[in-house]
PDB file of N, CA and C in Angstrom:
ATOM      1  N   GLU A   1      -6.838   6.019  15.011  1.00  0.00           N
ATOM      2  CA  GLU A   1      -8.288   6.004  15.036  1.00  0.00           C
ATOM      3  C   GLU A   1      -8.863   6.378  13.678  1.00  0.00           C
ATOM      4  N   ASP A   2      -8.228   7.371  13.035  1.00  0.00           N
ATOM      5  CA  ASP A   2      -8.703   7.815  11.732  1.00  0.00           C
ATOM      6  C   ASP A   2      -8.628   6.677  10.719  1.00  0.00           C
ATOM      7  N   LEU A   3      -7.510   5.950  10.708  1.00  0.00           N
ATOM      8  CA  LEU A   3      -7.350   4.825   9.792  1.00  0.00           C
ATOM      9  C   LEU A   3      -8.378   3.738  10.084  1.00  0.00           C
ATOM     10  N   SER A   4      -8.629   3.443  11.345  1.00  0.00           N
ATOM     11  CA  SER A   4      -9.639   2.447  11.721  1.00  0.00           C
ATOM     12  C   SER A   4     -11.001   2.843  11.182  1.00  0.00           C
ATOM     13  N   GLN A   5     -11.355   4.115  11.317  1.00  0.00           N
ATOM     14  CA  GLN A   5     -12.649   4.583  10.826  1.00  0.00           C
ATOM     15  C   GLN A   5     -12.734   4.466   9.313  1.00  0.00           C
ATOM     16  N   GLN A   6     -11.680   4.886   8.620  1.00  0.00           N
ATOM     17  CA  GLN A   6     -11.705   4.874   7.168  1.00  0.00           C
ATOM     18  C   GLN A   6     -11.773   3.460   6.596  1.00  0.00           C
ATOM     19  N   LEU A   7     -11.144   2.508   7.272  1.00  0.00           N
ATOM     20  CA  LEU A   7     -11.103   1.133   6.763  1.00  0.00           C
ATOM     21  C   LEU A   7     -12.187   0.234   7.364  1.00  0.00           C
ATOM     22  N   GLY A   8     -12.889   0.736   8.392  1.00  0.00           N
ATOM     23  CA  GLY A   8     -13.930  -0.071   9.012  1.00  0.00           C
ATOM     24  C   GLY A   8     -13.370  -1.282   9.743  1.00  0.00           C
ATOM     25  N   GLN A   9     -12.175  -1.148  10.274  1.00  0.00           N
ATOM     26  CA  GLN A   9     -11.472  -2.247  10.941  1.00  0.00           C
ATOM     27  C   GLN A   9     -10.744  -1.667  12.144  1.00  0.00           C
ATOM     28  N   LYS A  10     -10.929  -2.228  13.328  1.00  0.00           N
ATOM     29  CA  LYS A  10     -10.223  -1.753  14.516  1.00  0.00           C
ATOM     30  C   LYS A  10      -8.739  -2.066  14.354  1.00  0.00           C
ATOM     31  N   LEU A  11      -7.898  -1.011  14.382  1.00  0.00           N
ATOM     32  CA  LEU A  11      -6.464  -1.171  14.180  1.00  0.00           C
ATOM     33  C   LEU A  11      -5.688  -0.480  15.283  1.00  0.00           C
ATOM     34  N   MET A  12      -4.481  -0.972  15.518  1.00  0.00           N
ATOM     35  CA  MET A  12      -3.590  -0.332  16.482  1.00  0.00           C
ATOM     36  C   MET A  12      -2.201  -0.242  15.850  1.00  0.00           C
ATOM     37  N   VAL A  13      -1.413   0.729  16.277  1.00  0.00           N
ATOM     38  CA  VAL A  13      -0.043   0.858  15.785  1.00  0.00           C
ATOM     39  C   VAL A  13       0.799  -0.251  16.406  1.00  0.00           C
ATOM     40  N   VAL A  14       1.511  -0.983  15.561  1.00  0.00           N
ATOM     41  CA  VAL A  14       2.394  -2.052  16.026  1.00  0.00           C
ATOM     42  C   VAL A  14       3.833  -1.542  16.065  1.00  0.00           C
ATOM     43  N   THR A  15       4.267  -0.903  14.990  1.00  0.00           N
ATOM     44  CA  THR A  15       5.621  -0.340  14.946  1.00  0.00           C
ATOM     45  C   THR A  15       5.615   0.971  14.172  1.00  0.00           C
ATOM     46  N   GLN A  16       6.545   1.834  14.522  1.00  0.00           N
ATOM     47  CA  GLN A  16       6.857   3.039  13.771  1.00  0.00           C
ATOM     48  C   GLN A  16       8.360   3.050  13.638  1.00  0.00           C
ATOM     49  N   ALA A  17       8.840   3.132  12.399  1.00  0.00           N
ATOM     50  CA  ALA A  17      10.277   3.068  12.192  1.00  0.00           C
ATOM     51  C   ALA A  17      10.630   3.656  10.837  1.00  0.00           C
ATOM     52  N   LYS A  18      11.902   3.640  10.540  1.00  0.00           N
ATOM     53  CA  LYS A  18      12.356   4.053   9.223  1.00  0.00           C
ATOM     54  C   LYS A  18      12.017   2.936   8.245  1.00  0.00           C
ATOM     55  N   GLY A  19      11.443   3.310   7.112  1.00  0.00           N
ATOM     56  CA  GLY A  19      11.117   2.346   6.076  1.00  0.00           C
ATOM     57  C   GLY A  19      12.074   2.466   4.903  1.00  0.00           C
ATOM     58  N   LEU A  20      11.791   1.768   3.828  1.00  0.00           N
ATOM     59  CA  LEU A  20      12.626   1.851   2.635  1.00  0.00           C
ATOM     60  C   LEU A  20      12.560   3.241   2.011  1.00  0.00           C
ATOM     61  N   LEU A  21      11.370   3.857   2.058  1.00  0.00           N
ATOM     62  CA  LEU A  21      11.173   5.166   1.452  1.00  0.00           C
ATOM     63  C   LEU A  21      11.388   6.317   2.420  1.00  0.00           C
ATOM     64  N   GLY A  22      11.095   6.108   3.659  1.00  0.00           N
ATOM     65  CA  GLY A  22      11.173   7.176   4.647  1.00  0.00           C
ATOM     66  C   GLY A  22      10.570   6.705   5.954  1.00  0.00           C
ATOM     67  N   GLN A  23       9.448   7.288   6.323  1.00  0.00           N
ATOM     68  CA  GLN A  23       8.760   6.897   7.544  1.00  0.00           C
ATOM     69  C   GLN A  23       7.814   5.731   7.259  1.00  0.00           C
ATOM     70  N   ALA A  24       7.780   4.771   8.167  1.00  0.00           N
ATOM     71  CA  ALA A  24       6.925   3.607   7.984  1.00  0.00           C
ATOM     72  C   ALA A  24       6.188   3.302   9.281  1.00  0.00           C
ATOM     73  N   CYS A  25       4.971   2.815   9.136  1.00  0.00           N
ATOM     74  CA  CYS A  25       4.169   2.372  10.275  1.00  0.00           C
ATOM     75  C   CYS A  25       3.532   1.045   9.915  1.00  0.00           C
ATOM     76  N   GLU A  26       3.380   0.210  10.919  1.00  0.00           N
ATOM     77  CA  GLU A  26       2.643  -1.037  10.733  1.00  0.00           C
ATOM     78  C   GLU A  26       1.498  -1.025  11.713  1.00  0.00           C
ATOM     79  N   TYR A  27       0.319  -1.342  11.205  1.00  0.00           N
ATOM     80  CA  TYR A  27      -0.899  -1.407  12.001  1.00  0.00           C
ATOM     81  C   TYR A  27      -1.405  -2.835  11.951  1.00  0.00           C
ATOM     82  N   ALA A  28      -2.149  -3.237  12.975  1.00  0.00           N
ATOM     83  CA  ALA A  28      -2.735  -4.581  12.995  1.00  0.00           C
ATOM     84  C   ALA A  28      -4.043  -4.540  13.755  1.00  0.00           C
ATOM     85  N   ASP A  29      -4.888  -5.533  13.476  1.00  0.00           N
ATOM     86  CA  ASP A  29      -6.101  -5.674  14.273  1.00  0.00           C
ATOM     87  C   ASP A  29      -5.703  -6.302  15.613  1.00  0.00           C
ATOM     88  N   PRO A  30      -6.575  -6.299  16.607  1.00  0.00           N
ATOM     89  CA  PRO A  30      -6.202  -6.823  17.937  1.00  0.00           C
ATOM     90  C   PRO A  30      -5.671  -8.258  17.925  1.00  0.00           C
ATOM     91  N   LYS A  31      -6.155  -9.105  17.017  1.00  0.00           N
ATOM     92  CA  LYS A  31      -5.674 -10.489  16.957  1.00  0.00           C
ATOM     93  C   LYS A  31      -4.482 -10.645  16.012  1.00  0.00           C
ATOM     94  N   ARG A  32      -4.102  -9.555  15.388  1.00  0.00           N
ATOM     95  CA  ARG A  32      -2.998  -9.523  14.428  1.00  0.00           C
ATOM     96  C   ARG A  32      -3.200 -10.463  13.245  1.00  0.00           C
ATOM     97  N   THR A  33      -4.451 -10.596  12.818  1.00  0.00           N
ATOM     98  CA  THR A  33      -4.727 -11.394  11.624  1.00  0.00           C
ATOM     99  C   THR A  33      -4.611 -10.534  10.370  1.00  0.00           C
ATOM    100  N   ILE A  34      -4.814  -9.234  10.511  1.00  0.00           N
ATOM    101  CA  ILE A  34      -4.660  -8.278   9.421  1.00  0.00           C
ATOM    102  C   ILE A  34      -3.544  -7.323   9.810  1.00  0.00           C
ATOM    103  N   LYS A  35      -2.577  -7.136   8.906  1.00  0.00           N
ATOM    104  CA  LYS A  35      -1.499  -6.176   9.140  1.00  0.00           C
ATOM    105  C   LYS A  35      -1.450  -5.224   7.956  1.00  0.00           C
ATOM    106  N   ILE A  36      -1.303  -3.946   8.250  1.00  0.00           N
ATOM    107  CA  ILE A  36      -1.226  -2.925   7.218  1.00  0.00           C
ATOM    108  C   ILE A  36       0.103  -2.198   7.382  1.00  0.00           C
ATOM    109  N   ALA A  37       0.898  -2.196   6.333  1.00  0.00           N
ATOM    110  CA  ALA A  37       2.189  -1.512   6.354  1.00  0.00           C
ATOM    111  C   ALA A  37       2.125  -0.303   5.435  1.00  0.00           C
ATOM    112  N   VAL A  38       2.493   0.853   5.970  1.00  0.00           N
ATOM    113  CA  VAL A  38       2.519   2.092   5.206  1.00  0.00           C
ATOM    114  C   VAL A  38       3.952   2.599   5.194  1.00  0.00           C
ATOM    115  N   ASP A  39       4.478   2.870   4.012  1.00  0.00           N
ATOM    116  CA  ASP A  39       5.827   3.409   3.865  1.00  0.00           C
ATOM    117  C   ASP A  39       5.724   4.610   2.934  1.00  0.00           C
ATOM    118  N   ALA A  40       6.248   5.752   3.347  1.00  0.00           N
ATOM    119  CA  ALA A  40       6.132   6.969   2.550  1.00  0.00           C
ATOM    120  C   ALA A  40       7.371   7.829   2.703  1.00  0.00           C
ATOM    121  N   GLY A  41       7.808   8.427   1.605  1.00  0.00           N
ATOM    122  CA  GLY A  41       8.936   9.336   1.639  1.00  0.00           C
ATOM    123  C   GLY A  41       9.293   9.796   0.248  1.00  0.00           C
ATOM    124  N   PRO A  42      10.292  10.655   0.147  1.00  0.00           N
ATOM    125  CA  PRO A  42      10.728  11.131  -1.166  1.00  0.00           C
ATOM    126  C   PRO A  42      11.127   9.959  -2.055  1.00  0.00           C
ATOM    127  N   ASN A  43      10.699  10.009  -3.293  1.00  0.00           N
ATOM    128  CA  ASN A  43      11.000   8.928  -4.227  1.00  0.00           C
ATOM    129  C   ASN A  43      12.503   8.899  -4.522  1.00  0.00           C
ATOM    130  N   PRO A  44      13.199   7.793  -4.175  1.00  0.00           N
ATOM    131  CA  PRO A  44      14.639   7.713  -4.388  1.00  0.00           C
ATOM    132  C   PRO A  44      15.029   7.333  -5.820  1.00  0.00           C
ATOM    133  N   ALA A  45      14.052   7.015  -6.656  1.00  0.00           N
ATOM    134  CA  ALA A  45      14.318   6.582  -8.026  1.00  0.00           C
ATOM    135  C   ALA A  45      13.850   7.661  -9.015  1.00  0.00           C
ATOM    136  N   PRO A  46      14.284   7.566 -10.261  1.00  0.00           N
ATOM    137  CA  PRO A  46      13.857   8.557 -11.249  1.00  0.00           C
ATOM    138  C   PRO A  46      12.338   8.575 -11.494  1.00  0.00           C
ATOM    139  N   SER A  47      11.674   7.446 -11.231  1.00  0.00           N
ATOM    140  CA  SER A  47      10.219   7.392 -11.397  1.00  0.00           C
ATOM    141  C   SER A  47       9.634   6.373 -10.425  1.00  0.00           C
ATOM    142  N   ALA A  48       8.342   6.507 -10.179  1.00  0.00           N
ATOM    143  CA  ALA A  48       7.663   5.547  -9.303  1.00  0.00           C
ATOM    144  C   ALA A  48       7.695   4.148  -9.919  1.00  0.00           C
ATOM    145  N   GLU A  49       7.509   4.080 -11.214  1.00  0.00           N
ATOM    146  CA  GLU A  49       7.532   2.781 -11.894  1.00  0.00           C
ATOM    147  C   GLU A  49       8.893   2.099 -11.712  1.00  0.00           C
ATOM    148  N   MET A  50       9.966   2.870 -11.838  1.00  0.00           N
ATOM    149  CA  MET A  50      11.308   2.301 -11.663  1.00  0.00           C
ATOM    150  C   MET A  50      11.505   1.833 -10.221  1.00  0.00           C
ATOM    151  N   TRP A  51      11.013   2.607  -9.242  1.00  0.00           N
ATOM    152  CA  TRP A  51      11.133   2.203  -7.845  1.00  0.00           C
ATOM    153  C   TRP A  51      10.400   0.881  -7.608  1.00  0.00           C
ATOM    154  N   ARG A  52       9.169   0.774  -8.101  1.00  0.00           N
ATOM    155  CA  ARG A  52       8.403  -0.462  -7.895  1.00  0.00           C
ATOM    156  C   ARG A  52       9.114  -1.649  -8.539  1.00  0.00           C
ATOM    157  N   LYS A  53       9.747  -1.425  -9.668  1.00  0.00           N
ATOM    158  CA  LYS A  53      10.480  -2.496 -10.341  1.00  0.00           C
ATOM    159  C   LYS A  53      11.691  -2.935  -9.506  1.00  0.00           C
ATOM    160  N   MET A  54      12.388  -1.973  -8.905  1.00  0.00           N
ATOM    161  CA  MET A  54      13.573  -2.294  -8.087  1.00  0.00           C
ATOM    162  C   MET A  54      13.185  -2.907  -6.742  1.00  0.00           C
ATOM    163  N   ALA A  55      12.049  -2.505  -6.185  1.00  0.00           N
ATOM    164  CA  ALA A  55      11.682  -2.901  -4.822  1.00  0.00           C
ATOM    165  C   ALA A  55      10.871  -4.194  -4.750  1.00  0.00           C
ATOM    166  N   ASN A  56      10.504  -4.760  -5.901  1.00  0.00           N
ATOM    167  CA  ASN A  56       9.683  -5.971  -5.919  1.00  0.00           C
ATOM    168  C   ASN A  56      10.337  -7.045  -6.762  1.00  0.00           C
ATOM    169  N   PRO A  57       9.960  -8.313  -6.540  1.00  0.00           N
ATOM    170  CA  PRO A  57      10.560  -9.398  -7.326  1.00  0.00           C
ATOM    171  C   PRO A  57      10.228  -9.266  -8.816  1.00  0.00           C
ATOM    172  N   PRO A  58      11.140  -9.746  -9.675  1.00  0.00           N
ATOM    173  CA  PRO A  58      10.850  -9.745 -11.110  1.00  0.00           C
ATOM    174  C   PRO A  58       9.533 -10.479 -11.387  1.00  0.00           C
ATOM    175  N   GLY A  59       8.751  -9.934 -12.270  1.00  0.00           N
ATOM    176  CA  GLY A  59       7.471 -10.538 -12.611  1.00  0.00           C
ATOM    177  C   GLY A  59       6.289  -9.929 -11.870  1.00  0.00           C
ATOM    178  N   THR A  60       6.556  -9.038 -10.908  1.00  0.00           N
ATOM    179  CA  THR A  60       5.477  -8.341 -10.214  1.00  0.00           C
ATOM    180  C   THR A  60       4.807  -7.405 -11.209  1.00  0.00           C
ATOM    181  N   LYS A  61       3.470  -7.419 -11.240  1.00  0.00           N
ATOM    182  CA  LYS A  61       2.738  -6.568 -12.183  1.00  0.00           C
ATOM    183  C   LYS A  61       1.775  -5.667 -11.431  1.00  0.00           C
ATOM    184  N   TRP A  62       1.711  -4.419 -11.878  1.00  0.00           N
ATOM    185  CA  TRP A  62       0.851  -3.399 -11.289  1.00  0.00           C
ATOM    186  C   TRP A  62      -0.170  -2.963 -12.319  1.00  0.00           C
ATOM    187  N   LYS A  63      -1.347  -2.590 -11.851  1.00  0.00           N
ATOM    188  CA  LYS A  63      -2.425  -2.121 -12.731  1.00  0.00           C
ATOM    189  C   LYS A  63      -2.733  -0.663 -12.380  1.00  0.00           C
ATOM    190  N   SER A  64      -2.722   0.201 -13.403  1.00  0.00           N
ATOM    191  CA  SER A  64      -3.033   1.619 -13.197  1.00  0.00           C
ATOM    192  C   SER A  64      -4.487   1.796 -12.805  1.00  0.00           C
ATOM    193  N   VAL A  65      -4.731   2.760 -11.936  1.00  0.00           N
ATOM    194  CA  VAL A  65      -6.086   3.118 -11.535  1.00  0.00           C
ATOM    195  C   VAL A  65      -6.533   4.269 -12.436  1.00  0.00           C
ATOM    196  N   ASP A  66      -7.606   4.056 -13.174  1.00  0.00           N
ATOM    197  CA  ASP A  66      -8.086   5.064 -14.113  1.00  0.00           C
ATOM    198  C   ASP A  66      -8.374   6.393 -13.425  1.00  0.00           C
ATOM    199  N   ASN A  67      -7.936   7.460 -14.068  1.00  0.00           N
ATOM    200  CA  ASN A  67      -8.228   8.843 -13.648  1.00  0.00           C
ATOM    201  C   ASN A  67      -7.788   9.177 -12.224  1.00  0.00           C
ATOM    202  N   ASP A  68      -6.796   8.488 -11.698  1.00  0.00           N
ATOM    203  CA  ASP A  68      -6.337   8.793 -10.348  1.00  0.00           C
ATOM    204  C   ASP A  68      -5.394   9.990 -10.405  1.00  0.00           C
ATOM    205  N   PRO A  69      -5.647  11.022  -9.598  1.00  0.00           N
ATOM    206  CA  PRO A  69      -4.808  12.224  -9.657  1.00  0.00           C
ATOM    207  C   PRO A  69      -3.364  11.992  -9.199  1.00  0.00           C
ATOM    208  N   ASP A  70      -3.115  10.924  -8.455  1.00  0.00           N
ATOM    209  CA  ASP A  70      -1.771  10.631  -7.950  1.00  0.00           C
ATOM    210  C   ASP A  70      -1.124   9.450  -8.669  1.00  0.00           C
ATOM    211  N   LYS A  71      -1.674   9.085  -9.837  1.00  0.00           N
ATOM    212  CA  LYS A  71      -1.138   7.980 -10.644  1.00  0.00           C
ATOM    213  C   LYS A  71      -1.048   6.678  -9.850  1.00  0.00           C
ATOM    214  N   ALA A  72      -2.070   6.393  -9.056  1.00  0.00           N
ATOM    215  CA  ALA A  72      -2.075   5.190  -8.223  1.00  0.00           C
ATOM    216  C   ALA A  72      -2.115   3.926  -9.075  1.00  0.00           C
ATOM    217  N   VAL A  73      -1.475   2.901  -8.528  1.00  0.00           N
ATOM    218  CA  VAL A  73      -1.520   1.565  -9.117  1.00  0.00           C
ATOM    219  C   VAL A  73      -1.846   0.573  -8.006  1.00  0.00           C
ATOM    220  N   VAL A  74      -2.455  -0.557  -8.383  1.00  0.00           N
ATOM    221  CA  VAL A  74      -2.711  -1.643  -7.441  1.00  0.00           C
ATOM    222  C   VAL A  74      -1.953  -2.874  -7.924  1.00  0.00           C
ATOM    223  N   LEU A  75      -1.577  -3.716  -6.978  1.00  0.00           N
ATOM    224  CA  LEU A  75      -0.857  -4.939  -7.312  1.00  0.00           C
ATOM    225  C   LEU A  75      -1.790  -5.868  -8.085  1.00  0.00           C
ATOM    226  N   GLU A  76      -1.363  -6.245  -9.280  1.00  0.00           N
ATOM    227  CA  GLU A  76      -2.173  -7.123 -10.119  1.00  0.00           C
ATOM    228  C   GLU A  76      -1.756  -8.583  -9.972  1.00  0.00           C
ATOM    229  N   SER A  77      -0.452  -8.831  -9.994  1.00  0.00           N
ATOM    230  CA  SER A  77       0.027 -10.203  -9.800  1.00  0.00           C
ATOM    231  C   SER A  77       1.406 -10.164  -9.156  1.00  0.00           C
ATOM    232  N   TYR A  78       1.661 -11.204  -8.379  1.00  0.00           N
ATOM    233  CA  TYR A  78       2.886 -11.315  -7.609  1.00  0.00           C
ATOM    234  C   TYR A  78       3.485 -12.690  -7.883  1.00  0.00           C
ATOM    235  N   PRO A  79       4.744 -12.750  -8.310  1.00  0.00           N
ATOM    236  CA  PRO A  79       5.327 -14.053  -8.639  1.00  0.00           C
ATOM    237  C   PRO A  79       5.352 -14.990  -7.430  1.00  0.00           C
ATOM    238  N   ASN A  80       5.103 -16.244  -7.687  1.00  0.00           N
ATOM    239  CA  ASN A  80       5.166 -17.293  -6.665  1.00  0.00           C
ATOM    240  C   ASN A  80       4.195 -17.074  -5.509  1.00  0.00           C
ATOM    241  N   GLY A  81       3.077 -16.458  -5.776  1.00  0.00           N
ATOM    242  CA  GLY A  81       2.112 -16.262  -4.705  1.00  0.00           C
ATOM    243  C   GLY A  81       0.897 -15.484  -5.160  1.00  0.00           C
ATOM    244  N   GLU A  82      -0.096 -15.510  -4.307  1.00  0.00           N
ATOM    245  CA  GLU A  82      -1.320 -14.769  -4.576  1.00  0.00           C
ATOM    246  C   GLU A  82      -1.071 -13.280  -4.395  1.00  0.00           C
ATOM    247  N   PRO A  83      -1.705 -12.456  -5.217  1.00  0.00           N
ATOM    248  CA  PRO A  83      -1.595 -11.020  -4.960  1.00  0.00           C
ATOM    249  C   PRO A  83      -2.284 -10.676  -3.638  1.00  0.00           C
ATOM    250  N   TYR A  84      -1.873  -9.609  -3.052  1.00  0.00           N
ATOM    251  CA  TYR A  84      -2.436  -9.139  -1.792  1.00  0.00           C
ATOM    252  C   TYR A  84      -2.823  -7.672  -2.006  1.00  0.00           C
ATOM    253  N   PRO A  85      -3.648  -7.106  -1.139  1.00  0.00           N
ATOM    254  CA  PRO A  85      -4.005  -5.705  -1.318  1.00  0.00           C
ATOM    255  C   PRO A  85      -2.760  -4.822  -1.206  1.00  0.00           C
ATOM    256  N   SER A  86      -2.536  -4.020  -2.224  1.00  0.00           N
ATOM    257  CA  SER A  86      -1.379  -3.139  -2.244  1.00  0.00           C
ATOM    258  C   SER A  86      -1.656  -1.980  -3.178  1.00  0.00           C
ATOM    259  N   VAL A  87      -1.409  -0.776  -2.684  1.00  0.00           N
ATOM    260  CA  VAL A  87      -1.595   0.439  -3.471  1.00  0.00           C
ATOM    261  C   VAL A  87      -0.307   1.239  -3.391  1.00  0.00           C
ATOM    262  N   SER A  88       0.088   1.790  -4.522  1.00  0.00           N
ATOM    263  CA  SER A  88       1.258   2.651  -4.585  1.00  0.00           C
ATOM    264  C   SER A  88       0.876   3.884  -5.394  1.00  0.00           C
ATOM    265  N   TYR A  89       1.328   5.056  -4.932  1.00  0.00           N
ATOM    266  CA  TYR A  89       1.056   6.285  -5.684  1.00  0.00           C
ATOM    267  C   TYR A  89       2.129   7.328  -5.404  1.00  0.00           C
ATOM    268  N   GLU A  90       2.177   8.352  -6.263  1.00  0.00           N
ATOM    269  CA  GLU A  90       3.089   9.487  -6.126  1.00  0.00           C
ATOM    270  C   GLU A  90       2.262  10.715  -5.755  1.00  0.00           C
ATOM    271  N   ARG A  91       2.756  11.474  -4.792  1.00  0.00           N
ATOM    272  CA  ARG A  91       2.056  12.705  -4.422  1.00  0.00           C
ATOM    273  C   ARG A  91       3.074  13.714  -3.902  1.00  0.00           C
ATOM    274  N   LYS A  92       3.112  14.873  -4.531  1.00  0.00           N
ATOM    275  CA  LYS A  92       3.982  15.982  -4.108  1.00  0.00           C
ATOM    276  C   LYS A  92       5.443  15.540  -3.943  1.00  0.00           C
ATOM    277  N   GLY A  93       5.930  14.729  -4.877  1.00  0.00           N
ATOM    278  CA  GLY A  93       7.315  14.281  -4.834  1.00  0.00           C
ATOM    279  C   GLY A  93       7.577  13.091  -3.928  1.00  0.00           C
ATOM    280  N   TRP A  94       6.542  12.618  -3.256  1.00  0.00           N
ATOM    281  CA  TRP A  94       6.672  11.455  -2.383  1.00  0.00           C
ATOM    282  C   TRP A  94       6.091  10.229  -3.065  1.00  0.00           C
ATOM    283  N   LEU A  95       6.633   9.088  -2.704  1.00  0.00           N
ATOM    284  CA  LEU A  95       6.082   7.811  -3.116  1.00  0.00           C
ATOM    285  C   LEU A  95       5.475   7.170  -1.873  1.00  0.00           C
ATOM    286  N   VAL A  96       4.281   6.654  -2.000  1.00  0.00           N
ATOM    287  CA  VAL A  96       3.581   6.027  -0.879  1.00  0.00           C
ATOM    288  C   VAL A  96       3.239   4.592  -1.268  1.00  0.00           C
ATOM    289  N   GLN A  97       3.539   3.666  -0.380  1.00  0.00           N
ATOM    290  CA  GLN A  97       3.253   2.246  -0.587  1.00  0.00           C
ATOM    291  C   GLN A  97       2.456   1.749   0.605  1.00  0.00           C
ATOM    292  N   ILE A  98       1.294   1.155   0.352  1.00  0.00           N
ATOM    293  CA  ILE A  98       0.461   0.586   1.418  1.00  0.00           C
ATOM    294  C   ILE A  98       0.189  -0.872   1.074  1.00  0.00           C
ATOM    295  N   ASN A  99       0.579  -1.785   1.967  1.00  0.00           N
ATOM    296  CA  ASN A  99       0.375  -3.224   1.781  1.00  0.00           C
ATOM    297  C   ASN A  99      -0.474  -3.766   2.922  1.00  0.00           C
ATOM    298  N   VAL A 100      -1.353  -4.708   2.597  1.00  0.00           N
ATOM    299  CA  VAL A 100      -2.174  -5.374   3.607  1.00  0.00           C
ATOM    300  C   VAL A 100      -1.849  -6.859   3.576  1.00  0.00           C
ATOM    301  N   MET A 101      -1.479  -7.409   4.714  1.00  0.00           N
ATOM    302  CA  MET A 101      -1.197  -8.845   4.839  1.00  0.00           C
ATOM    303  C   MET A 101      -2.349  -9.502   5.603  1.00  0.00           C
ATOM    304  N   GLY A 102      -2.628 -10.743   5.255  1.00  0.00           N
ATOM    305  CA  GLY A 102      -3.672 -11.490   5.951  1.00  0.00           C
ATOM    306  C   GLY A 102      -4.984 -11.517   5.190  1.00  0.00           C
ATOM    307  N   VAL A 103      -4.979 -11.008   3.963  1.00  0.00           N
ATOM    308  CA  VAL A 103      -6.183 -10.997   3.134  1.00  0.00           C
ATOM    309  C   VAL A 103      -5.894 -11.835   1.896  1.00  0.00           C
ATOM    310  N   SER A 104      -6.793 -12.739   1.568  1.00  0.00           N
ATOM    311  CA  SER A 104      -6.608 -13.550   0.363  1.00  0.00           C
ATOM    312  C   SER A 104      -7.928 -13.661  -0.378  1.00  0.00           C
ATOM    313  N   GLY A 105      -7.850 -14.150  -1.576  1.00  0.00           N
ATOM    314  CA  GLY A 105      -9.038 -14.271  -2.419  1.00  0.00           C
ATOM    315  C   GLY A 105      -9.232 -13.007  -3.228  1.00  0.00           C
ATOM    316  N   ARG A 106      -9.416 -13.147  -4.520  1.00  0.00           N
ATOM    317  CA  ARG A 106      -9.492 -12.008  -5.426  1.00  0.00           C
ATOM    318  C   ARG A 106     -10.551 -10.993  -4.992  1.00  0.00           C
ATOM    319  N   ALA A 107     -11.738 -11.438  -4.587  1.00  0.00           N
ATOM    320  CA  ALA A 107     -12.803 -10.505  -4.198  1.00  0.00           C
ATOM    321  C   ALA A 107     -12.391  -9.681  -2.975  1.00  0.00           C
ATOM    322  N   ASP A 108     -11.782 -10.330  -1.978  1.00  0.00           N
ATOM    323  CA  ASP A 108     -11.342  -9.608  -0.779  1.00  0.00           C
ATOM    324  C   ASP A 108     -10.183  -8.664  -1.091  1.00  0.00           C
ATOM    325  N   VAL A 109      -9.264  -9.097  -1.949  1.00  0.00           N
ATOM    326  CA  VAL A 109      -8.145  -8.236  -2.350  1.00  0.00           C
ATOM    327  C   VAL A 109      -8.689  -6.999  -3.056  1.00  0.00           C
ATOM    328  N   ASP A 110      -9.612  -7.196  -3.989  1.00  0.00           N
ATOM    329  CA  ASP A 110     -10.195  -6.054  -4.710  1.00  0.00           C
ATOM    330  C   ASP A 110     -10.934  -5.120  -3.758  1.00  0.00           C
ATOM    331  N   SER A 111     -11.660  -5.678  -2.806  1.00  0.00           N
ATOM    332  CA  SER A 111     -12.397  -4.875  -1.830  1.00  0.00           C
ATOM    333  C   SER A 111     -11.441  -4.024  -0.991  1.00  0.00           C
ATOM    334  N   TRP A 112     -10.358  -4.631  -0.521  1.00  0.00           N
ATOM    335  CA  TRP A 112      -9.364  -3.895   0.269  1.00  0.00           C
ATOM    336  C   TRP A 112      -8.664  -2.833  -0.567  1.00  0.00           C
ATOM    337  N   ASN A 113      -8.345  -3.149  -1.825  1.00  0.00           N
ATOM    338  CA  ASN A 113      -7.711  -2.144  -2.686  1.00  0.00           C
ATOM    339  C   ASN A 113      -8.614  -0.925  -2.838  1.00  0.00           C
ATOM    340  N   THR A 114      -9.915  -1.155  -2.969  1.00  0.00           N
ATOM    341  CA  THR A 114     -10.864  -0.043  -3.065  1.00  0.00           C
ATOM    342  C   THR A 114     -10.828   0.786  -1.788  1.00  0.00           C
ATOM    343  N   LYS A 115     -10.781   0.129  -0.638  1.00  0.00           N
ATOM    344  CA  LYS A 115     -10.686   0.852   0.638  1.00  0.00           C
ATOM    345  C   LYS A 115      -9.392   1.664   0.711  1.00  0.00           C
ATOM    346  N   LEU A 116      -8.282   1.051   0.305  1.00  0.00           N
ATOM    347  CA  LEU A 116      -6.995   1.733   0.367  1.00  0.00           C
ATOM    348  C   LEU A 116      -6.973   2.962  -0.539  1.00  0.00           C
ATOM    349  N   LEU A 117      -7.580   2.833  -1.706  1.00  0.00           N
ATOM    350  CA  LEU A 117      -7.628   3.967  -2.635  1.00  0.00           C
ATOM    351  C   LEU A 117      -8.473   5.114  -2.084  1.00  0.00           C
ATOM    352  N   GLY A 118      -9.389   4.813  -1.183  1.00  0.00           N
ATOM    353  CA  GLY A 118     -10.246   5.824  -0.595  1.00  0.00           C
ATOM    354  C   GLY A 118      -9.651   6.520   0.617  1.00  0.00           C
ATOM    355  N   LEU A 119      -8.472   6.070   1.084  1.00  0.00           N
ATOM    356  CA  LEU A 119      -7.837   6.700   2.246  1.00  0.00           C
ATOM    357  C   LEU A 119      -7.398   8.122   1.915  1.00  0.00           C
ATOM    358  N   LYS A 120      -7.307   8.944   2.952  1.00  0.00           N
ATOM    359  CA  LYS A 120      -6.720  10.275   2.779  1.00  0.00           C
ATOM    360  C   LYS A 120      -5.295  10.078   2.290  1.00  0.00           C
ATOM    361  N   ARG A 121      -4.914  10.859   1.314  1.00  0.00           N
ATOM    362  CA  ARG A 121      -3.600  10.687   0.686  1.00  0.00           C
ATOM    363  C   ARG A 121      -2.507  11.445   1.436  1.00  0.00           C
ATOM    364  N   LEU A 122      -1.320  10.849   1.419  1.00  0.00           N
ATOM    365  CA  LEU A 122      -0.112  11.436   2.002  1.00  0.00           C
ATOM    366  C   LEU A 122       0.767  11.964   0.889  1.00  0.00           C
ATOM    367  N   PRO A 123       1.561  12.985   1.080  1.00  0.00           N
ATOM    368  CA  PRO A 123       1.418  13.965   2.147  1.00  0.00           C
ATOM    369  C   PRO A 123       0.188  14.831   1.904  1.00  0.00           C
ATOM    370  N   GLN A 124      -0.285  15.448   2.982  1.00  0.00           N
ATOM    371  CA  GLN A 124      -1.508  16.266   2.896  1.00  0.00           C
ATOM    372  C   GLN A 124      -1.272  17.501   2.070  1.00  0.00           C
TER     373      GLN A 124
END
């Protein structure tokens, strides 16, 4: 419910399972046109940048968010496809990755990235 309120979109939990980083959840709207995947856990790599490089296809580019206390980045470009809303940040030794599927168009991607950056950060 908290995530639905923060994003202004009715969402429900679809799955909860082990993710690449640790705990992962997938949320979707009732028609499953929008899916949000959250993966969070201790960073298994020497740095967040190195993890993003290992976990994404070559040529994936991230853009730093100015003055972000958790060194957040947003997906800038994705090889062989349109970028999608995606935010990654480090907090208290954890790496958090949030991806949104079902959103296209630069304006909508930017709008969703802004929403994602405004979410309460993990871990608390």
